[in-house]
Amino acid sequence: MRQYNREKHHRHSIRLPGYDYSQPGAYFVTICTQNRECLFGEIVNGEMILNEYGNRVERCWVEIPHHFSHVALDEFVAMPNHVHGVIVIVENVGARHVGARYVGARYVGARHAVPPHNSNQCIEQFGKPVRGSIPTIIRSFKSAVTKQINEIRQTPGMPVWQRNYWEHIIRDEHELNRIRQYIRNNPMNWKNNDNFDK
């Protein structure tokens, strides 16, 4: 078994230390493919055209609330080599949630914004991510997509995603609306995007 060495492998957590990623709030996430390979389709005239893999990505994203009943979804886009989405934890993990599972742009408001300071709770319990937290949700999504794509292309065990992902805690309605607009405009701005594969 190989020993992990933080200095040698240059890996470190990008999570906010001590922040509880299972508390109610809105989170903007970006997940990139392994080596930023364009797997999910192409941009044609400023519009994302999903291929079979991209359709699987979108389907798995929409399914998230069926696996995590405390979650609602907001804006989302699958791009050729990454996805952007807003995940809203609408109540504390463990509480029952009945009602709409897809929030949609007009329903999420400041009531879902995350309070700016909450460093007294942890995202891990006994070294493992908290059930229903953002890291757990993303891991589940990435795993489902990877399994389905590898079944289609008959490449068991082949990575689809980069090891980590990026997330941002959405603080208020203004920020949420700005992020929604960014996600909507992402296909039109593809050639100006850092993830654009020239």
Foldseek 3Di string as FASTA:
>chain_A
DDDDDCVVVVDDDPDDAQDAQQAFAKKKWKWFWVVLAQAFAAQDPLDGDGDPLVVQLVVLVCCLCVVQVQKEWEAKDDHRTMIITMIGRNHGGPDGDDDDRHQYDVRDFFVRADDPDDRNHGQDDPNHGDPNGPVVSVVVSLVSSVVVVCVVVVNPPDGTTDPDIDMDGGHGRVSVVVVNVCNVSCSVCQVVDPSNDD
